[in-house]
Amino acid sequence: MKEENAAGRKTDRFESAARRLEERMETQLELLTDAMRGSVARADNVDGDDEYGHRRNNHIGEAVKIGAVSAQIVVALGKYAGEFNHNIHVKRSDAKAESKADMAAKIRNRRRLTDEEWESRRTEYELPRSSSHPPLDRWLKEEWAERDAEAAAEAAAAAKSAEGVPPDENPGSNG
């Protein structure tokens, strides 16, 4: 009986396949690196007739895409070499856990506002004058036009009442 079969089946039976795959990945990485160099060289040698730089931009874009694939291959090779994990452990203190529980209780106990409460609180917030969202911008302009008209009417009424009632004409000597 051979020594490697003494414990039963060989544990590293896929070792040769893994080695071949690793060699293929390294070869592919070399080819991709050469292709990336060629793409950057083509971008540097673009003729002067590329007025807007589209061809140069395309060559640089190809190099970036090739670089992304190369990075994936490098990560795969790293995984073959050993374990490649990112483990992040987050621990919270008891004070934070309590405050989170208090916050959850507040949310559960929150009640909805009635229409009257909503209307009374609505005046507490100032609406913006415009928005980058066209339908909202139209509504805001209409709303502010109505509010400005109401404010102007109130100001005119206040100015008229501040003037007071004009005195009756004295029909005295001219009359």
N, C-alpha and C. Protein backbone atom coordinates (compact mmCIF):
# COMPACT_ATOMS: atom_id res chain seq x y z
N MET A 1 0.84 -1.16 0.00
CA MET A 1 0.00 0.00 0.00
C MET A 1 0.89 1.23 0.00
N LYS A 2 0.51 2.18 -0.83
CA LYS A 2 1.30 3.40 -0.92
C LYS A 2 1.00 4.29 0.27
N GLU A 3 1.96 5.16 0.57
CA GLU A 3 1.82 6.00 1.74
C GLU A 3 0.69 7.03 1.58
N GLU A 4 0.49 7.57 0.37
CA GLU A 4 -0.54 8.59 0.19
C GLU A 4 -1.94 8.01 0.26
N ASN A 5 -2.11 6.71 0.00
CA ASN A 5 -3.42 6.09 0.06
C ASN A 5 -3.70 5.44 1.40
N ALA A 6 -2.79 5.54 2.32
CA ALA A 6 -2.93 4.86 3.59
C ALA A 6 -4.13 5.37 4.38
N ALA A 7 -4.41 6.66 4.30
CA ALA A 7 -5.51 7.23 5.07
C ALA A 7 -6.80 7.24 4.26
N GLY A 8 -6.82 6.60 3.15
CA GLY A 8 -8.01 6.60 2.31
C GLY A 8 -7.79 7.48 1.10
N ARG A 9 -8.83 8.10 0.68
CA ARG A 9 -8.77 8.92 -0.51
C ARG A 9 -7.85 10.13 -0.31
N LYS A 10 -7.19 10.52 -1.36
CA LYS A 10 -6.28 11.64 -1.32
C LYS A 10 -7.07 12.93 -1.10
N THR A 11 -6.65 13.78 -0.16
CA THR A 11 -7.41 14.98 0.15
C THR A 11 -7.19 16.09 -0.87
N ASP A 12 -6.04 16.14 -1.51
CA ASP A 12 -5.76 17.19 -2.49
C ASP A 12 -5.89 16.66 -3.91
N ARG A 13 -6.98 16.01 -4.23
CA ARG A 13 -7.12 15.42 -5.56
C ARG A 13 -7.34 16.47 -6.63
N PHE A 14 -7.76 17.69 -6.26
CA PHE A 14 -7.98 18.75 -7.24
C PHE A 14 -6.80 19.70 -7.33
N GLU A 15 -5.69 19.34 -6.71
CA GLU A 15 -4.54 20.23 -6.68
C GLU A 15 -4.01 20.54 -8.07
N SER A 16 -3.91 19.54 -8.93
CA SER A 16 -3.38 19.77 -10.28
C SER A 16 -4.34 20.63 -11.09
N ALA A 17 -5.64 20.44 -10.93
CA ALA A 17 -6.61 21.27 -11.65
C ALA A 17 -6.56 22.71 -11.17
N ALA A 18 -6.39 22.89 -9.87
CA ALA A 18 -6.29 24.24 -9.31
C ALA A 18 -5.02 24.93 -9.80
N ARG A 19 -3.93 24.19 -9.88
CA ARG A 19 -2.68 24.75 -10.36
C ARG A 19 -2.80 25.17 -11.83
N ARG A 20 -3.45 24.30 -12.65
CA ARG A 20 -3.65 24.64 -14.06
C ARG A 20 -4.52 25.89 -14.20
N LEU A 21 -5.56 25.98 -13.39
CA LEU A 21 -6.44 27.14 -13.45
C LEU A 21 -5.69 28.41 -13.04
N GLU A 22 -4.85 28.29 -12.02
CA GLU A 22 -4.06 29.44 -11.57
C GLU A 22 -3.10 29.90 -12.67
N GLU A 23 -2.49 28.93 -13.36
CA GLU A 23 -1.57 29.28 -14.46
C GLU A 23 -2.32 29.97 -15.59
N ARG A 24 -3.53 29.48 -15.89
CA ARG A 24 -4.34 30.12 -16.94
C ARG A 24 -4.71 31.55 -16.55
N MET A 25 -5.04 31.75 -15.29
CA MET A 25 -5.40 33.09 -14.83
C MET A 25 -4.20 34.02 -14.92
N GLU A 26 -3.02 33.54 -14.56
CA GLU A 26 -1.82 34.37 -14.65
C GLU A 26 -1.53 34.72 -16.11
N THR A 27 -1.70 33.74 -17.02
CA THR A 27 -1.51 34.00 -18.45
C THR A 27 -2.52 35.03 -18.94
N GLN A 28 -3.76 34.86 -18.53
CA GLN A 28 -4.81 35.81 -18.93
C GLN A 28 -4.50 37.21 -18.39
N LEU A 29 -3.98 37.28 -17.16
CA LEU A 29 -3.62 38.56 -16.57
C LEU A 29 -2.51 39.24 -17.37
N GLU A 30 -1.52 38.46 -17.82
CA GLU A 30 -0.45 39.02 -18.65
C GLU A 30 -1.01 39.56 -19.96
N LEU A 31 -1.91 38.79 -20.59
CA LEU A 31 -2.52 39.24 -21.85
C LEU A 31 -3.34 40.52 -21.65
N LEU A 32 -4.09 40.57 -20.57
CA LEU A 32 -4.89 41.76 -20.29
C LEU A 32 -4.00 42.97 -20.01
N THR A 33 -2.89 42.75 -19.32
CA THR A 33 -1.97 43.86 -19.04
C THR A 33 -1.39 44.40 -20.34
N ASP A 34 -1.01 43.49 -21.26
CA ASP A 34 -0.50 43.93 -22.56
C ASP A 34 -1.57 44.69 -23.34
N ALA A 35 -2.81 44.20 -23.29
CA ALA A 35 -3.91 44.87 -24.00
C ALA A 35 -4.16 46.26 -23.41
N MET A 36 -4.05 46.38 -22.09
CA MET A 36 -4.25 47.67 -21.45
C MET A 36 -3.14 48.64 -21.86
N ARG A 37 -1.90 48.16 -21.90
CA ARG A 37 -0.79 49.01 -22.35
C ARG A 37 -1.01 49.47 -23.78
N GLY A 38 -1.46 48.55 -24.65
CA GLY A 38 -1.72 48.90 -26.05
C GLY A 38 -2.82 49.93 -26.17
N SER A 39 -3.86 49.79 -25.35
CA SER A 39 -4.97 50.74 -25.40
C SER A 39 -4.53 52.13 -24.97
N VAL A 40 -3.71 52.20 -23.93
CA VAL A 40 -3.20 53.50 -23.47
C VAL A 40 -2.27 54.09 -24.53
N ALA A 41 -1.46 53.24 -25.17
CA ALA A 41 -0.56 53.73 -26.23
C ALA A 41 -1.37 54.27 -27.41
N ARG A 42 -2.44 53.57 -27.80
CA ARG A 42 -3.31 54.06 -28.89
C ARG A 42 -3.95 55.39 -28.51
N ALA A 43 -4.33 55.54 -27.23
CA ALA A 43 -4.93 56.80 -26.79
C ALA A 43 -3.92 57.94 -26.87
N ASP A 44 -2.66 57.63 -26.57
CA ASP A 44 -1.63 58.67 -26.65
C ASP A 44 -1.28 59.03 -28.10
N ASN A 45 -1.48 58.10 -29.03
CA ASN A 45 -1.11 58.33 -30.43
C ASN A 45 -2.29 58.74 -31.31
N VAL A 46 -3.38 59.19 -30.72
CA VAL A 46 -4.54 59.59 -31.53
C VAL A 46 -4.16 60.81 -32.35
N ASP A 47 -4.61 60.80 -33.62
CA ASP A 47 -4.29 61.90 -34.54
C ASP A 47 -4.92 63.20 -34.09
N GLY A 48 -4.49 64.26 -34.69
CA GLY A 48 -5.01 65.58 -34.37
C GLY A 48 -6.40 65.83 -34.94
N ASP A 49 -6.90 64.95 -35.81
CA ASP A 49 -8.23 65.16 -36.40
C ASP A 49 -9.36 64.73 -35.47
N ASP A 50 -9.02 64.26 -34.28
CA ASP A 50 -10.03 63.88 -33.28
C ASP A 50 -10.40 65.13 -32.49
N GLU A 51 -11.26 65.95 -33.10
CA GLU A 51 -11.55 67.29 -32.58
C GLU A 51 -12.08 67.28 -31.16
N TYR A 52 -13.02 66.41 -30.87
CA TYR A 52 -13.66 66.41 -29.56
C TYR A 52 -13.07 65.38 -28.60
N GLY A 53 -12.10 64.60 -29.05
CA GLY A 53 -11.43 63.64 -28.18
C GLY A 53 -12.19 62.35 -27.96
N HIS A 54 -13.14 62.02 -28.86
CA HIS A 54 -13.94 60.81 -28.66
C HIS A 54 -13.11 59.54 -28.80
N ARG A 55 -12.25 59.50 -29.83
CA ARG A 55 -11.45 58.28 -30.02
C ARG A 55 -10.50 58.07 -28.85
N ARG A 56 -9.86 59.14 -28.39
CA ARG A 56 -8.96 59.03 -27.24
C ARG A 56 -9.72 58.56 -26.01
N ASN A 57 -10.90 59.11 -25.82
CA ASN A 57 -11.74 58.73 -24.69
C ASN A 57 -12.13 57.26 -24.77
N ASN A 58 -12.45 56.78 -25.98
CA ASN A 58 -12.80 55.36 -26.15
C ASN A 58 -11.64 54.44 -25.79
N HIS A 59 -10.43 54.82 -26.23
CA HIS A 59 -9.26 53.99 -25.91
C HIS A 59 -8.99 53.97 -24.41
N ILE A 60 -9.13 55.12 -23.77
CA ILE A 60 -8.92 55.17 -22.32
C ILE A 60 -10.01 54.36 -21.61
N GLY A 61 -11.26 54.43 -22.11
CA GLY A 61 -12.35 53.63 -21.53
C GLY A 61 -12.08 52.15 -21.63
N GLU A 62 -11.53 51.71 -22.79
CA GLU A 62 -11.17 50.30 -22.94
C GLU A 62 -10.12 49.90 -21.90
N ALA A 63 -9.13 50.76 -21.70
CA ALA A 63 -8.07 50.45 -20.73
C ALA A 63 -8.65 50.33 -19.33
N VAL A 64 -9.61 51.18 -19.00
CA VAL A 64 -10.22 51.12 -17.68
C VAL A 64 -11.01 49.83 -17.51
N LYS A 65 -11.76 49.45 -18.53
CA LYS A 65 -12.52 48.20 -18.46
C LYS A 65 -11.59 46.99 -18.31
N ILE A 66 -10.51 47.01 -19.06
CA ILE A 66 -9.54 45.91 -18.96
C ILE A 66 -8.93 45.89 -17.56
N GLY A 67 -8.66 47.07 -17.01
CA GLY A 67 -8.12 47.14 -15.65
C GLY A 67 -9.07 46.57 -14.63
N ALA A 68 -10.38 46.79 -14.81
CA ALA A 68 -11.37 46.24 -13.87
C ALA A 68 -11.38 44.72 -13.93
N VAL A 69 -11.31 44.16 -15.13
CA VAL A 69 -11.28 42.70 -15.27
C VAL A 69 -9.99 42.15 -14.67
N SER A 70 -8.89 42.86 -14.90
CA SER A 70 -7.61 42.43 -14.33
C SER A 70 -7.67 42.41 -12.81
N ALA A 71 -8.33 43.40 -12.24
CA ALA A 71 -8.46 43.44 -10.78
C ALA A 71 -9.25 42.24 -10.27
N GLN A 72 -10.28 41.86 -11.00
CA GLN A 72 -11.05 40.68 -10.60
C GLN A 72 -10.19 39.43 -10.64
N ILE A 73 -9.36 39.33 -11.65
CA ILE A 73 -8.48 38.16 -11.75
C ILE A 73 -7.46 38.16 -10.61
N VAL A 74 -6.94 39.34 -10.27
CA VAL A 74 -5.98 39.42 -9.16
C VAL A 74 -6.64 39.00 -7.86
N VAL A 75 -7.89 39.41 -7.65
CA VAL A 75 -8.61 39.00 -6.45
C VAL A 75 -8.80 37.48 -6.44
N ALA A 76 -9.15 36.91 -7.60
CA ALA A 76 -9.32 35.45 -7.67
C ALA A 76 -8.01 34.73 -7.37
N LEU A 77 -6.91 35.26 -7.90
CA LEU A 77 -5.61 34.65 -7.60
C LEU A 77 -5.29 34.76 -6.12
N GLY A 78 -5.65 35.87 -5.52
CA GLY A 78 -5.43 36.04 -4.09
C GLY A 78 -6.24 35.04 -3.28
N LYS A 79 -7.44 34.74 -3.75
CA LYS A 79 -8.27 33.76 -3.05
C LYS A 79 -7.65 32.37 -3.13
N TYR A 80 -7.01 32.06 -4.28
CA TYR A 80 -6.35 30.76 -4.37
C TYR A 80 -5.18 30.68 -3.42
N ALA A 81 -4.48 31.78 -3.23
CA ALA A 81 -3.31 31.77 -2.36
C ALA A 81 -3.70 31.58 -0.90
N GLY A 82 -4.83 32.07 -0.53
CA GLY A 82 -5.27 31.93 0.85
C GLY A 82 -6.66 32.51 1.01
N GLU A 83 -7.13 32.49 2.22
CA GLU A 83 -8.47 32.98 2.48
C GLU A 83 -8.50 34.49 2.32
N PHE A 84 -9.57 34.98 1.74
CA PHE A 84 -9.70 36.40 1.45
C PHE A 84 -11.06 36.85 1.96
N ASN A 85 -11.12 37.25 3.23
CA ASN A 85 -12.39 37.66 3.84
C ASN A 85 -12.24 39.03 4.45
N HIS A 86 -13.32 39.77 4.41
CA HIS A 86 -13.41 41.03 5.13
C HIS A 86 -14.47 40.84 6.20
N ASN A 87 -14.07 40.70 7.43
CA ASN A 87 -15.02 40.52 8.52
C ASN A 87 -15.02 41.79 9.35
N ILE A 88 -16.18 42.37 9.49
CA ILE A 88 -16.33 43.58 10.27
C ILE A 88 -17.27 43.26 11.42
N HIS A 89 -16.81 43.49 12.64
CA HIS A 89 -17.62 43.24 13.82
C HIS A 89 -17.98 44.58 14.45
N VAL A 90 -19.26 44.82 14.58
CA VAL A 90 -19.73 46.06 15.19
C VAL A 90 -20.38 45.70 16.50
N LYS A 91 -19.91 46.35 17.57
CA LYS A 91 -20.48 46.11 18.90
C LYS A 91 -21.03 47.42 19.40
N ARG A 92 -22.22 47.38 19.94
CA ARG A 92 -22.86 48.58 20.46
C ARG A 92 -22.85 48.53 21.98
N SER A 93 -22.68 49.69 22.55
CA SER A 93 -22.72 49.75 24.01
C SER A 93 -24.17 49.66 24.46
N ASP A 94 -24.39 49.38 25.74
CA ASP A 94 -25.74 49.24 26.28
C ASP A 94 -26.51 50.55 26.20
N ALA A 95 -25.82 51.68 26.35
CA ALA A 95 -26.48 52.98 26.29
C ALA A 95 -27.09 53.20 24.90
N LYS A 96 -26.35 52.82 23.89
CA LYS A 96 -26.88 52.97 22.53
C LYS A 96 -28.05 52.03 22.31
N ALA A 97 -27.97 50.82 22.84
CA ALA A 97 -29.06 49.86 22.68
C ALA A 97 -30.31 50.37 23.39
N GLU A 98 -30.13 50.97 24.57
CA GLU A 98 -31.28 51.52 25.29
C GLU A 98 -31.89 52.68 24.52
N SER A 99 -31.05 53.54 23.99
CA SER A 99 -31.58 54.68 23.26
C SER A 99 -32.30 54.21 21.99
N LYS A 100 -31.82 53.14 21.40
CA LYS A 100 -32.49 52.60 20.22
C LYS A 100 -33.85 52.02 20.62
N ALA A 101 -33.91 51.37 21.77
CA ALA A 101 -35.18 50.83 22.25
C ALA A 101 -36.15 51.96 22.58
N ASP A 102 -35.63 53.05 23.20
CA ASP A 102 -36.48 54.20 23.49
C ASP A 102 -37.02 54.81 22.20
N MET A 103 -36.17 54.90 21.20
CA MET A 103 -36.58 55.47 19.93
C MET A 103 -37.67 54.61 19.29
N ALA A 104 -37.51 53.30 19.35
CA ALA A 104 -38.52 52.41 18.80
C ALA A 104 -39.85 52.56 19.54
N ALA A 105 -39.79 52.72 20.86
CA ALA A 105 -41.02 52.92 21.64
C ALA A 105 -41.69 54.24 21.27
N LYS A 106 -40.90 55.29 21.07
CA LYS A 106 -41.47 56.57 20.66
C LYS A 106 -42.16 56.46 19.31
N ILE A 107 -41.55 55.73 18.41
CA ILE A 107 -42.14 55.58 17.08
C ILE A 107 -43.46 54.80 17.18
N ARG A 108 -43.47 53.76 18.01
CA ARG A 108 -44.70 52.96 18.15
C ARG A 108 -45.82 53.79 18.79
N ASN A 109 -45.46 54.67 19.73
CA ASN A 109 -46.47 55.45 20.46
C ASN A 109 -46.89 56.73 19.74
N ARG A 110 -46.25 57.04 18.64
CA ARG A 110 -46.57 58.26 17.92
C ARG A 110 -47.96 58.13 17.29
N ARG A 111 -48.74 59.18 17.39
CA ARG A 111 -50.08 59.14 16.82
C ARG A 111 -50.12 60.03 15.59
N ARG A 112 -51.10 59.79 14.76
CA ARG A 112 -51.25 60.60 13.56
C ARG A 112 -51.93 61.91 13.91
N LEU A 113 -51.58 62.96 13.20
CA LEU A 113 -52.17 64.26 13.44
C LEU A 113 -53.56 64.33 12.81
N THR A 114 -54.45 65.05 13.49
CA THR A 114 -55.76 65.29 12.89
C THR A 114 -55.60 66.38 11.83
N ASP A 115 -56.64 66.58 11.03
CA ASP A 115 -56.57 67.59 9.99
C ASP A 115 -56.37 68.98 10.58
N GLU A 116 -57.02 69.26 11.70
CA GLU A 116 -56.87 70.58 12.32
C GLU A 116 -55.45 70.79 12.82
N GLU A 117 -54.89 69.75 13.46
CA GLU A 117 -53.51 69.87 13.94
C GLU A 117 -52.54 70.05 12.78
N TRP A 118 -52.81 69.32 11.70
CA TRP A 118 -51.95 69.43 10.53
C TRP A 118 -52.01 70.85 9.96
N GLU A 119 -53.21 71.40 9.84
CA GLU A 119 -53.36 72.76 9.31
C GLU A 119 -52.68 73.77 10.22
N SER A 120 -52.79 73.60 11.53
CA SER A 120 -52.17 74.56 12.44
C SER A 120 -50.64 74.48 12.37
N ARG A 121 -50.11 73.30 12.14
CA ARG A 121 -48.65 73.15 12.06
C ARG A 121 -48.11 73.48 10.67
N ARG A 122 -48.99 73.45 9.68
CA ARG A 122 -48.54 73.69 8.31
C ARG A 122 -47.99 75.09 8.15
N THR A 123 -48.51 76.04 8.89
CA THR A 123 -48.04 77.41 8.78
C THR A 123 -46.68 77.60 9.42
N GLU A 124 -46.21 76.63 10.19
CA GLU A 124 -44.91 76.74 10.84
C GLU A 124 -43.76 76.58 9.84
N TYR A 125 -44.03 75.97 8.71
CA TYR A 125 -42.97 75.67 7.76
C TYR A 125 -43.07 76.61 6.56
N GLU A 126 -41.95 77.12 6.13
CA GLU A 126 -41.90 78.02 5.00
C GLU A 126 -41.68 77.21 3.73
N LEU A 127 -42.51 77.42 2.74
CA LEU A 127 -42.34 76.73 1.47
C LEU A 127 -41.22 77.39 0.67
N PRO A 128 -40.47 76.62 -0.06
CA PRO A 128 -39.48 77.24 -0.94
C PRO A 128 -40.17 77.94 -2.11
N ARG A 129 -39.49 78.87 -2.73
CA ARG A 129 -40.06 79.62 -3.85
C ARG A 129 -39.99 78.84 -5.15
N SER A 130 -39.01 77.93 -5.28
CA SER A 130 -38.88 77.18 -6.54
C SER A 130 -38.29 75.81 -6.26
N SER A 131 -38.33 74.96 -7.30
CA SER A 131 -37.80 73.61 -7.19
C SER A 131 -37.22 73.20 -8.54
N SER A 132 -36.32 72.24 -8.53
CA SER A 132 -35.77 71.73 -9.79
C SER A 132 -36.70 70.71 -10.43
N HIS A 133 -37.71 70.27 -9.70
CA HIS A 133 -38.67 69.29 -10.23
C HIS A 133 -39.81 70.09 -10.89
N PRO A 134 -39.98 70.01 -12.22
CA PRO A 134 -40.93 70.89 -12.92
C PRO A 134 -42.36 70.88 -12.39
N PRO A 135 -42.99 69.72 -12.12
CA PRO A 135 -44.37 69.79 -11.61
C PRO A 135 -44.44 70.48 -10.24
N LEU A 136 -43.48 70.20 -9.38
CA LEU A 136 -43.46 70.84 -8.07
C LEU A 136 -43.17 72.33 -8.22
N ASP A 137 -42.31 72.70 -9.16
CA ASP A 137 -42.00 74.10 -9.38
C ASP A 137 -43.25 74.85 -9.85
N ARG A 138 -44.04 74.27 -10.75
CA ARG A 138 -45.29 74.90 -11.19
C ARG A 138 -46.23 75.11 -10.02
N TRP A 139 -46.40 74.08 -9.19
CA TRP A 139 -47.30 74.19 -8.05
C TRP A 139 -46.81 75.26 -7.07
N LEU A 140 -45.48 75.28 -6.81
CA LEU A 140 -44.94 76.29 -5.90
C LEU A 140 -45.17 77.70 -6.43
N LYS A 141 -44.99 77.91 -7.72
CA LYS A 141 -45.22 79.24 -8.30
C LYS A 141 -46.67 79.65 -8.17
N GLU A 142 -47.60 78.71 -8.43
CA GLU A 142 -49.03 79.02 -8.28
C GLU A 142 -49.36 79.33 -6.82
N GLU A 143 -48.84 78.51 -5.92
CA GLU A 143 -49.10 78.70 -4.49
C GLU A 143 -48.57 80.05 -4.02
N TRP A 144 -47.34 80.38 -4.43
CA TRP A 144 -46.78 81.67 -4.00
C TRP A 144 -47.49 82.85 -4.65
N ALA A 145 -47.98 82.67 -5.89
CA ALA A 145 -48.74 83.76 -6.52
C ALA A 145 -50.01 84.03 -5.72
N GLU A 146 -50.71 82.95 -5.30
CA GLU A 146 -51.92 83.11 -4.48
C GLU A 146 -51.58 83.77 -3.14
N ARG A 147 -50.50 83.30 -2.50
CA ARG A 147 -50.12 83.86 -1.20
C ARG A 147 -49.73 85.34 -1.34
N ASP A 148 -48.99 85.66 -2.40
CA ASP A 148 -48.59 87.06 -2.60
C ASP A 148 -49.80 87.94 -2.86
N ALA A 149 -50.78 87.43 -3.63
CA ALA A 149 -51.99 88.20 -3.91
C ALA A 149 -52.78 88.43 -2.61
N GLU A 150 -52.89 87.39 -1.79
CA GLU A 150 -53.58 87.53 -0.50
C GLU A 150 -52.86 88.53 0.40
N ALA A 151 -51.54 88.47 0.43
CA ALA A 151 -50.76 89.39 1.26
C ALA A 151 -50.92 90.83 0.77
N ALA A 152 -50.95 91.02 -0.57
CA ALA A 152 -51.13 92.37 -1.11
C ALA A 152 -52.51 92.90 -0.78
N ALA A 153 -53.54 92.04 -0.87
CA ALA A 153 -54.90 92.47 -0.53
C ALA A 153 -54.99 92.84 0.95
N GLU A 154 -54.37 92.03 1.81
CA GLU A 154 -54.37 92.33 3.24
C GLU A 154 -53.62 93.64 3.52
N ALA A 155 -52.51 93.87 2.84
CA ALA A 155 -51.74 95.10 3.03
C ALA A 155 -52.54 96.32 2.58
N ALA A 156 -53.26 96.15 1.45
CA ALA A 156 -54.08 97.27 0.96
C ALA A 156 -55.22 97.55 1.94
N ALA A 157 -55.84 96.50 2.47
CA ALA A 157 -56.92 96.69 3.44
C ALA A 157 -56.38 97.33 4.72
N ALA A 158 -55.20 96.92 5.15
CA ALA A 158 -54.61 97.51 6.35
C ALA A 158 -54.26 98.97 6.12
N ALA A 159 -53.76 99.30 4.92
CA ALA A 159 -53.42 100.69 4.62
C ALA A 159 -54.67 101.55 4.58
N LYS A 160 -55.75 101.00 4.04
CA LYS A 160 -57.00 101.76 3.94
C LYS A 160 -57.58 102.00 5.34
N SER A 161 -57.50 100.97 6.19
CA SER A 161 -58.02 101.13 7.54
C SER A 161 -57.13 102.05 8.37
N ALA A 162 -55.84 102.10 8.06
CA ALA A 162 -54.94 102.97 8.79
C ALA A 162 -55.21 104.44 8.45
N GLU A 163 -55.66 104.69 7.24
CA GLU A 163 -55.98 106.05 6.85
C GLU A 163 -57.16 106.58 7.66
N GLY A 164 -57.99 105.68 8.03
CA GLY A 164 -59.18 106.07 8.78
C GLY A 164 -60.30 106.52 7.84
N VAL A 165 -61.38 106.88 8.45
CA VAL A 165 -62.53 107.33 7.67
C VAL A 165 -62.34 108.82 7.39
N PRO A 166 -62.44 109.23 6.16
CA PRO A 166 -62.26 110.65 5.88
C PRO A 166 -63.39 111.47 6.50
N PRO A 167 -63.10 112.62 6.99
CA PRO A 167 -64.15 113.43 7.62
C PRO A 167 -65.18 113.88 6.57
N ASP A 168 -66.38 114.09 7.06
CA ASP A 168 -67.42 114.58 6.16
C ASP A 168 -67.03 115.97 5.67
N GLU A 169 -67.45 116.25 4.47
CA GLU A 169 -67.13 117.55 3.95
C GLU A 169 -67.93 118.61 4.69
N ASN A 170 -67.27 119.65 4.96
CA ASN A 170 -67.93 120.75 5.67
C ASN A 170 -68.69 121.61 4.65
N PRO A 171 -69.99 121.58 4.75
CA PRO A 171 -70.74 122.35 3.76
C PRO A 171 -70.75 123.84 4.09
N GLY A 172 -69.91 124.22 4.96
CA GLY A 172 -69.79 125.59 5.48
C GLY A 172 -70.01 126.70 4.45
N SER A 173 -69.06 127.55 4.33
CA SER A 173 -69.22 128.79 3.57
C SER A 173 -69.18 128.61 2.07
N ASN A 174 -68.61 127.49 1.62
CA ASN A 174 -68.52 127.29 0.17
C ASN A 174 -69.76 126.63 -0.38
N GLY A 175 -70.54 126.14 0.43
CA GLY A 175 -71.60 125.31 0.04
C GLY A 175 -72.79 125.90 -0.39
